[in-house]
N, C-alpha and C. Protein backbone atom coordinates (compact mmCIF):
# COMPACT_ATOMS: atom_id res chain seq x y z
N UNK A 1 -20.09 7.21 15.46
CA UNK A 1 -20.89 7.66 14.50
C UNK A 1 -20.19 7.07 13.38
N UNK A 2 -21.19 6.84 12.03
CA UNK A 2 -20.79 6.65 11.15
C UNK A 2 -20.50 7.60 10.04
N UNK A 3 -20.03 7.35 9.58
CA UNK A 3 -19.27 8.59 8.10
C UNK A 3 -20.21 8.60 7.03
N UNK A 4 -20.48 9.52 6.64
CA UNK A 4 -21.69 9.32 5.10
C UNK A 4 -20.91 10.07 4.21
N UNK A 5 -20.67 9.51 3.17
CA UNK A 5 -19.60 9.95 2.05
C UNK A 5 -20.67 10.61 1.37
N UNK A 6 -20.44 12.26 1.25
CA UNK A 6 -21.21 13.30 0.20
C UNK A 6 -20.57 13.34 -1.35
N UNK A 7 -21.33 12.97 -2.63
CA UNK A 7 -21.33 13.27 -3.43
C UNK A 7 -21.66 14.78 -3.96
N UNK A 8 -20.78 15.16 -5.35
CA UNK A 8 -21.45 16.57 -5.65
C UNK A 8 -22.77 16.30 -6.45
N UNK A 9 -23.29 16.84 -7.24
CA UNK A 9 -24.05 16.62 -7.92
C UNK A 9 -24.01 16.08 -9.46
N UNK A 10 -22.78 16.11 -9.73
CA UNK A 10 -22.46 15.22 -10.46
C UNK A 10 -21.42 13.72 -10.35
N UNK A 11 -22.31 13.30 -9.11
CA UNK A 11 -21.79 12.24 -8.55
C UNK A 11 -19.94 11.58 -8.55
N UNK A 12 -19.54 13.17 -8.61
CA UNK A 12 -17.65 13.19 -8.03
C UNK A 12 -17.86 13.16 -6.55
N UNK A 13 -16.99 12.26 -5.91
CA UNK A 13 -16.74 12.10 -4.46
C UNK A 13 -16.50 13.68 -4.28
N UNK A 14 -17.13 14.04 -2.83
CA UNK A 14 -16.37 15.15 -2.14
C UNK A 14 -15.61 15.37 -0.87
N UNK A 15 -16.39 14.48 -0.05
CA UNK A 15 -15.96 14.28 1.50
C UNK A 15 -16.84 13.55 2.35
N UNK A 16 -16.06 13.01 3.51
CA UNK A 16 -16.99 12.54 4.71
C UNK A 16 -17.58 13.07 5.53
N UNK A 17 -18.90 13.25 6.16
CA UNK A 17 -19.37 13.89 7.33
C UNK A 17 -20.05 12.74 8.27
N UNK A 18 -20.22 13.05 9.19
CA UNK A 18 -20.62 12.47 9.99
C UNK A 18 -22.43 12.57 9.92
N UNK A 19 -22.97 11.26 10.57
CA UNK A 19 -24.25 11.11 10.33
C UNK A 19 -25.08 12.22 10.51
N UNK A 20 -24.60 12.62 11.94
CA UNK A 20 -25.72 13.60 12.10
C UNK A 20 -25.80 15.22 11.30
N UNK A 21 -24.64 15.30 10.63
CA UNK A 21 -24.34 16.29 9.80
C UNK A 21 -25.09 16.01 8.13
N UNK A 22 -24.92 14.74 8.12
CA UNK A 22 -25.83 14.41 6.55
C UNK A 22 -27.39 14.57 7.05
N UNK A 23 -27.76 13.83 7.84
CA UNK A 23 -29.17 14.31 8.42
C UNK A 23 -29.63 15.82 8.32
N UNK A 24 -28.70 16.74 8.89
CA UNK A 24 -29.07 18.22 8.73
C UNK A 24 -29.22 18.75 7.26
N UNK A 25 -28.12 18.00 6.42
CA UNK A 25 -28.19 18.32 5.06
C UNK A 25 -29.81 17.74 4.44
N UNK A 26 -30.01 16.98 4.67
CA UNK A 26 -31.15 16.25 4.40
C UNK A 26 -32.38 17.16 4.63
N UNK A 27 -32.33 17.83 6.09
CA UNK A 27 -33.55 18.46 6.39
C UNK A 27 -33.78 19.87 5.64
N UNK A 28 -32.18 20.14 5.65
CA UNK A 28 -31.84 21.49 5.03
C UNK A 28 -32.23 21.56 3.51
N UNK A 29 -32.74 19.97 3.00
CA UNK A 29 -32.73 20.02 1.27
C UNK A 29 -31.37 20.37 0.25
N UNK A 30 -30.29 20.33 0.96
CA UNK A 30 -29.17 20.47 0.40
C UNK A 30 -28.71 19.57 -0.30
N UNK A 31 -28.76 18.41 -0.11
CA UNK A 31 -28.84 16.87 -0.47
C UNK A 31 -29.95 16.10 -0.45
N UNK A 32 -29.99 14.88 -0.90
CA UNK A 32 -30.66 13.93 -1.35
C UNK A 32 -30.24 12.79 -1.08
N UNK A 33 -30.79 11.56 -0.31
CA UNK A 33 -30.05 10.22 -0.42
C UNK A 33 -29.97 9.67 -1.69
N UNK A 34 -28.57 9.20 -1.39
CA UNK A 34 -28.23 8.35 -2.83
C UNK A 34 -28.15 6.97 -2.55
N UNK A 35 -27.84 6.77 -1.48
CA UNK A 35 -27.71 5.50 -0.97
C UNK A 35 -27.88 4.86 0.35
N UNK A 36 -28.78 4.31 0.81
CA UNK A 36 -29.23 3.85 2.61
C UNK A 36 -28.42 2.67 2.98
N UNK A 37 -29.16 2.38 4.17
CA UNK A 37 -29.19 0.92 4.68
C UNK A 37 -30.36 0.41 4.60
N UNK A 38 -30.28 -0.56 4.34
CA UNK A 38 -32.01 -1.22 4.04
C UNK A 38 -32.60 -1.45 5.62
N UNK A 39 -34.09 -1.01 5.23
CA UNK A 39 -34.97 -0.94 6.62
C UNK A 39 -33.78 -0.47 7.77
N UNK A 40 -33.61 0.48 8.20
CA UNK A 40 -32.98 1.43 9.07
C UNK A 40 -33.15 2.67 8.87
N UNK A 41 -34.41 3.14 9.67
CA UNK A 41 -34.62 4.75 9.69
C UNK A 41 -33.89 5.46 10.74
N UNK A 42 -34.17 6.94 10.34
CA UNK A 42 -33.74 7.62 11.28
C UNK A 42 -34.58 8.60 11.39
N UNK A 43 -35.23 8.47 11.80
CA UNK A 43 -36.83 9.92 11.78
C UNK A 43 -37.37 9.11 10.56
N UNK A 44 -38.05 10.05 9.70
CA UNK A 44 -38.73 9.61 8.34
C UNK A 44 -37.78 9.45 7.51
N UNK A 45 -36.31 9.60 8.06
CA UNK A 45 -35.31 9.59 6.89
C UNK A 45 -34.67 8.10 6.90
N UNK A 46 -34.45 7.21 5.86
CA UNK A 46 -33.49 6.10 5.97
C UNK A 46 -31.95 6.42 6.20
N UNK A 47 -31.53 5.68 7.23
CA UNK A 47 -30.28 5.84 7.24
C UNK A 47 -29.07 5.87 6.10
N UNK A 48 -28.58 7.19 5.62
CA UNK A 48 -28.07 7.14 4.59
C UNK A 48 -26.75 6.38 4.68
N UNK A 49 -25.81 5.96 3.93
CA UNK A 49 -24.63 5.65 3.56
C UNK A 49 -23.93 6.73 2.89
N UNK A 50 -24.66 7.20 1.65
CA UNK A 50 -24.22 7.93 0.52
C UNK A 50 -25.36 9.21 0.30
N UNK A 51 -24.67 10.42 0.55
CA UNK A 51 -25.59 11.79 0.28
C UNK A 51 -25.09 12.08 -1.13
N UNK A 52 -26.16 12.85 -2.11
CA UNK A 52 -25.71 13.43 -3.33
C UNK A 52 -26.15 14.89 -2.96
N UNK A 53 -25.24 15.84 -3.46
CA UNK A 53 -25.94 17.38 -3.24
C UNK A 53 -26.79 17.52 -4.04
N UNK A 54 -27.61 18.80 -3.95
CA UNK A 54 -28.66 18.53 -4.93
C UNK A 54 -28.23 20.17 -5.99
N UNK A 55 -27.72 20.67 -5.69
CA UNK A 55 -26.63 21.70 -6.47
C UNK A 55 -25.14 21.36 -6.61
N UNK A 56 -24.57 21.79 -7.66
CA UNK A 56 -23.43 21.86 -8.25
C UNK A 56 -22.50 22.38 -7.34
N UNK A 57 -21.30 21.96 -6.25
CA UNK A 57 -20.41 22.57 -6.31
C UNK A 57 -19.21 23.12 -6.48
N UNK A 58 -18.43 23.84 -7.24
CA UNK A 58 -17.35 23.76 -7.78
C UNK A 58 -16.19 23.54 -7.19
N UNK A 59 -15.56 22.53 -7.42
CA UNK A 59 -14.24 22.23 -6.70
C UNK A 59 -12.55 22.39 -7.33
N UNK A 60 -12.71 23.35 -8.29
CA UNK A 60 -11.60 23.36 -9.26
C UNK A 60 -10.05 23.57 -7.99
N UNK A 61 -10.10 23.90 -6.85
CA UNK A 61 -8.97 23.77 -6.18
C UNK A 61 -8.62 22.56 -5.80
N UNK A 62 -9.65 21.54 -5.59
CA UNK A 62 -8.97 20.49 -4.89
C UNK A 62 -8.72 19.49 -6.51
N UNK A 63 -8.09 20.03 -7.66
CA UNK A 63 -7.88 19.59 -8.81
C UNK A 63 -6.41 19.99 -9.09
N UNK A 64 -5.94 21.32 -8.36
CA UNK A 64 -4.94 22.21 -8.69
C UNK A 64 -3.68 21.30 -7.64
N UNK A 65 -4.11 20.61 -6.62
CA UNK A 65 -2.98 20.05 -5.66
C UNK A 65 -3.48 19.04 -5.20
N UNK A 66 -2.76 18.52 -4.04
CA UNK A 66 -3.57 17.68 -3.55
C UNK A 66 -3.92 17.77 -2.13
N UNK A 67 -4.28 17.06 -0.97
CA UNK A 67 -4.72 17.59 0.11
C UNK A 67 -3.47 17.59 0.85
N UNK A 68 -3.38 18.78 2.13
CA UNK A 68 -2.93 19.39 2.59
C UNK A 68 -1.94 18.12 3.84
N UNK A 69 -0.86 18.22 4.07
CA UNK A 69 -0.23 17.33 4.94
C UNK A 69 -0.81 17.37 6.29
N UNK A 70 -1.06 16.05 6.95
CA UNK A 70 -1.28 15.79 8.11
C UNK A 70 -0.85 14.37 8.61
N UNK A 71 -0.70 14.57 10.08
CA UNK A 71 -0.25 13.41 10.39
C UNK A 71 -1.67 12.17 10.26
N UNK A 72 -2.63 12.74 10.67
CA UNK A 72 -3.95 11.54 10.40
C UNK A 72 -4.06 11.19 8.87
N UNK A 73 -3.48 12.35 8.08
CA UNK A 73 -3.92 12.07 6.59
C UNK A 73 -2.63 10.72 6.09
N UNK A 74 -1.39 11.15 7.05
CA UNK A 74 -0.19 10.02 6.45
C UNK A 74 -0.38 8.37 7.25
N UNK A 75 -1.71 8.66 8.26
CA UNK A 75 -1.98 7.36 8.69
C UNK A 75 -2.97 6.60 7.98
N UNK A 76 -3.85 7.68 6.93
CA UNK A 76 -4.94 7.08 6.24
C UNK A 76 -4.41 6.81 4.99
N UNK A 77 -3.35 7.39 4.57
CA UNK A 77 -2.99 7.12 3.38
C UNK A 77 -2.13 5.69 2.85
N UNK A 78 -1.58 5.31 4.44
CA UNK A 78 -0.64 4.08 4.33
C UNK A 78 -1.39 3.05 5.05
N UNK A 79 -3.16 3.10 4.86
CA UNK A 79 -3.97 2.43 5.36
C UNK A 79 -3.26 1.87 7.05
N UNK A 80 -3.12 2.78 7.53
CA UNK A 80 -2.63 2.59 9.16
C UNK A 80 -1.74 1.15 8.93
N UNK A 81 -0.82 0.65 8.21
CA UNK A 81 -0.05 -0.38 8.31
C UNK A 81 2.01 0.55 8.32
N UNK A 82 2.45 -0.74 9.07
CA UNK A 82 3.94 0.50 9.34
C UNK A 82 4.38 0.23 8.04
N UNK A 83 4.91 1.23 7.49
CA UNK A 83 6.15 1.14 6.36
C UNK A 83 7.14 0.07 6.27
N UNK A 84 7.33 -0.35 7.49
CA UNK A 84 8.54 -0.95 7.93
C UNK A 84 8.48 -2.52 7.98
N UNK A 85 7.41 -2.75 8.79
CA UNK A 85 7.04 -4.18 9.09
C UNK A 85 5.71 -4.50 8.79
N UNK A 86 4.84 -3.54 8.58
CA UNK A 86 3.62 -4.26 7.78
C UNK A 86 2.38 -4.30 9.05
N UNK A 87 2.91 -3.86 10.48
CA UNK A 87 2.05 -4.32 11.42
C UNK A 87 1.09 -2.71 12.10
N UNK A 88 0.29 -2.92 12.03
CA UNK A 88 -0.48 -1.56 12.72
C UNK A 88 0.35 -0.33 13.23
N UNK A 89 0.50 0.34 12.42
CA UNK A 89 0.95 1.60 12.52
C UNK A 89 0.14 2.76 13.91
N UNK A 90 0.77 3.16 14.73
CA UNK A 90 0.28 4.20 15.54
C UNK A 90 0.69 5.32 15.67
N UNK A 91 1.84 5.48 15.06
CA UNK A 91 2.50 7.01 14.86
C UNK A 91 3.26 7.27 13.14
N UNK A 92 3.67 8.39 12.83
CA UNK A 92 4.32 8.56 11.88
C UNK A 92 6.13 8.58 12.11
N UNK A 93 6.71 8.23 10.75
CA UNK A 93 8.12 8.70 10.96
C UNK A 93 8.46 9.35 9.42
N UNK A 94 9.37 10.14 9.86
CA UNK A 94 10.29 11.22 9.03
C UNK A 94 11.08 10.18 8.35
N UNK A 95 10.92 9.89 6.89
CA UNK A 95 11.82 9.10 6.00
C UNK A 95 13.80 9.72 6.43
N UNK A 96 13.52 11.03 6.26
CA UNK A 96 14.59 12.04 6.38
C UNK A 96 14.63 12.28 7.95
N UNK A 97 15.22 12.09 8.73
CA UNK A 97 14.74 12.48 10.44
C UNK A 97 14.58 14.47 9.82
N UNK A 98 13.99 14.86 10.80
CA UNK A 98 13.72 16.43 11.04
C UNK A 98 14.73 16.84 11.50
N UNK A 99 15.52 16.35 12.51
CA UNK A 99 17.08 16.67 12.81
C UNK A 99 17.79 16.87 11.34
N UNK A 100 17.89 16.34 10.51
CA UNK A 100 18.59 16.31 9.52
C UNK A 100 18.19 17.22 8.67
N UNK A 101 17.01 18.01 8.95
CA UNK A 101 16.86 19.11 8.17
C UNK A 101 15.06 18.06 7.12
N UNK A 102 14.74 17.14 7.34
CA UNK A 102 13.68 16.34 6.67
C UNK A 102 12.46 17.63 7.30
N UNK A 103 11.27 17.32 6.04
CA UNK A 103 10.33 18.47 6.44
C UNK A 103 8.89 17.74 6.62
N UNK A 104 7.76 18.10 7.08
CA UNK A 104 6.67 17.61 7.17
C UNK A 104 6.25 18.06 5.85
N UNK A 105 6.09 16.38 5.04
CA UNK A 105 5.56 16.50 3.90
C UNK A 105 5.19 14.89 3.53
N UNK A 106 3.94 14.99 2.73
CA UNK A 106 4.08 13.92 2.04
C UNK A 106 4.75 12.86 1.69
N UNK A 107 6.11 13.65 0.98
CA UNK A 107 6.81 12.39 0.24
C UNK A 107 8.24 11.92 1.79
N UNK A 108 8.09 12.60 2.48
CA UNK A 108 8.78 12.14 3.78
C UNK A 108 8.41 11.73 4.84
N UNK A 109 7.35 11.44 4.96
CA UNK A 109 6.93 10.70 5.80
C UNK A 109 5.55 9.74 5.65
N UNK A 110 5.95 8.84 6.50
CA UNK A 110 5.60 7.10 6.77
C UNK A 110 4.81 7.02 7.72
N UNK A 111 3.94 5.96 7.69
CA UNK A 111 3.01 5.46 8.93
C UNK A 111 4.13 4.31 9.43
N UNK A 112 3.98 4.12 11.13
CA UNK A 112 5.23 3.26 11.44
C UNK A 112 4.42 3.00 12.84
N UNK A 113 4.81 1.53 13.25
CA UNK A 113 4.51 1.15 14.55
C UNK A 113 5.55 1.85 15.82
N UNK A 114 5.24 2.05 16.97
CA UNK A 114 6.23 2.55 17.73
C UNK A 114 7.52 1.82 17.59
N UNK A 115 7.40 0.48 17.45
CA UNK A 115 8.58 -0.49 17.93
C UNK A 115 9.67 0.21 16.72
N UNK A 116 9.18 -0.14 15.46
CA UNK A 116 9.90 0.31 14.33
C UNK A 116 10.41 2.07 14.67
N UNK A 117 9.54 2.72 14.66
CA UNK A 117 10.07 4.30 14.75
C UNK A 117 11.03 4.51 16.20
N UNK A 118 10.88 3.71 16.94
CA UNK A 118 12.01 3.59 17.98
C UNK A 118 13.46 3.15 17.72
N UNK A 119 12.91 2.15 16.74
CA UNK A 119 14.43 1.23 16.26
C UNK A 119 15.15 2.28 15.41
N UNK A 120 14.27 2.83 14.40
CA UNK A 120 14.72 3.44 13.50
C UNK A 120 15.45 4.69 13.99
N UNK A 121 14.74 5.40 15.17
CA UNK A 121 15.40 6.65 15.58
C UNK A 121 15.62 7.74 15.06
N UNK A 122 17.10 8.11 14.95
CA UNK A 122 17.39 9.21 14.12
C UNK A 122 18.10 9.20 13.07
N UNK A 123 17.74 8.14 12.28
CA UNK A 123 18.91 7.94 11.43
C UNK A 123 17.88 7.45 9.67
N UNK A 124 18.40 7.37 8.73
CA UNK A 124 18.03 7.28 7.42
C UNK A 124 17.57 5.72 7.74
N UNK A 125 16.43 5.10 6.81
CA UNK A 125 15.83 4.02 6.68
C UNK A 125 17.25 3.18 6.12
N UNK A 126 18.29 3.61 5.40
CA UNK A 126 19.38 3.13 4.81
C UNK A 126 20.52 2.62 6.00
N UNK A 127 20.79 3.68 7.06
CA UNK A 127 21.63 3.81 7.97
C UNK A 127 21.04 2.73 8.83
N UNK A 128 19.55 2.47 9.14
CA UNK A 128 19.18 1.60 10.14
C UNK A 128 18.72 0.22 9.70
N UNK A 129 18.87 -0.11 8.18
CA UNK A 129 18.92 -1.43 7.72
C UNK A 129 17.35 -1.65 7.79
N UNK A 130 16.66 -0.86 7.75
CA UNK A 130 15.08 -0.80 7.45
C UNK A 130 14.80 -0.37 6.27
N UNK A 131 14.48 -0.85 5.28
CA UNK A 131 14.03 -0.74 4.04
C UNK A 131 12.62 -0.14 4.00
N UNK A 132 11.97 0.74 3.25
CA UNK A 132 10.81 0.56 3.16
C UNK A 132 10.12 -0.27 2.46
N UNK A 133 8.91 -0.66 2.58
CA UNK A 133 8.05 -1.64 2.06
C UNK A 133 7.36 -0.90 0.75
N UNK A 134 7.20 0.41 0.94
CA UNK A 134 6.25 1.17 0.02
C UNK A 134 7.02 2.76 -0.05
N UNK A 135 6.68 3.18 -1.31
CA UNK A 135 7.60 4.75 -1.27
C UNK A 135 6.38 5.41 -0.98
N UNK A 136 6.75 6.63 -0.13
CA UNK A 136 5.88 7.70 0.25
C UNK A 136 5.16 8.37 -0.85
N UNK A 137 4.20 8.73 -1.15
CA UNK A 137 3.41 9.58 -2.41
C UNK A 137 2.46 10.61 -1.81
N UNK A 138 2.02 11.17 -2.59
CA UNK A 138 1.53 12.20 -2.41
C UNK A 138 -0.18 11.98 -2.82
N UNK A 139 -0.81 11.92 -1.80
CA UNK A 139 -2.25 11.15 -2.55
C UNK A 139 -3.08 11.97 -3.15
N UNK A 140 -3.98 11.37 -3.65
CA UNK A 140 -5.22 12.04 -4.51
C UNK A 140 -6.24 12.52 -3.07
N UNK A 141 -7.02 13.33 -3.64
CA UNK A 141 -8.51 13.38 -2.95
C UNK A 141 -9.43 12.21 -2.85
N UNK A 142 -9.11 11.53 -4.34
CA UNK A 142 -10.08 10.10 -4.29
C UNK A 142 -9.90 9.00 -2.94
N UNK A 143 -8.34 9.13 -2.64
CA UNK A 143 -7.74 8.16 -1.47
C UNK A 143 -8.67 8.41 -0.18
N UNK A 144 -8.79 10.09 0.13
CA UNK A 144 -9.73 10.07 1.20
C UNK A 144 -11.13 10.13 1.23
N UNK A 145 -11.73 9.87 0.17
CA UNK A 145 -13.18 10.30 0.24
C UNK A 145 -13.84 8.93 0.01
N UNK A 146 -13.16 7.92 -0.85
CA UNK A 146 -13.39 6.30 -0.91
C UNK A 146 -12.87 5.30 -0.29
N UNK A 147 -13.63 5.31 0.84
CA UNK A 147 -12.70 4.13 1.75
C UNK A 147 -13.32 2.45 1.65
């Protein structure tokens, strides 16, 4: 099922929902279609790509800190590309291994392919001779809502 972008009433991006959820929002009249697929209908509604909320939703908490760390979030932040070889990533790697006190955080984890993750093992990138192609960063909310 395709994802539908949800915009706040001021056109700021909020999050993505499933197509089924977007149709329910339209039926409940809490959202309107902002952009739709041309010539494709779901019942009486055009197939939405972007919906806009009718009433503004306050989201101050989103501006105070970034999104919470998660494995799927790390993969999404890095575009599912390995931080060591730039191939398709299937897992995450801790820059400072957890066995050495490394934490699950945005600044200590990167996306990695299984081969590079196995090769690096319980070492730092410098010890393994595997420099990072990009430095890990804390993502913004916009990185996850606009793809």
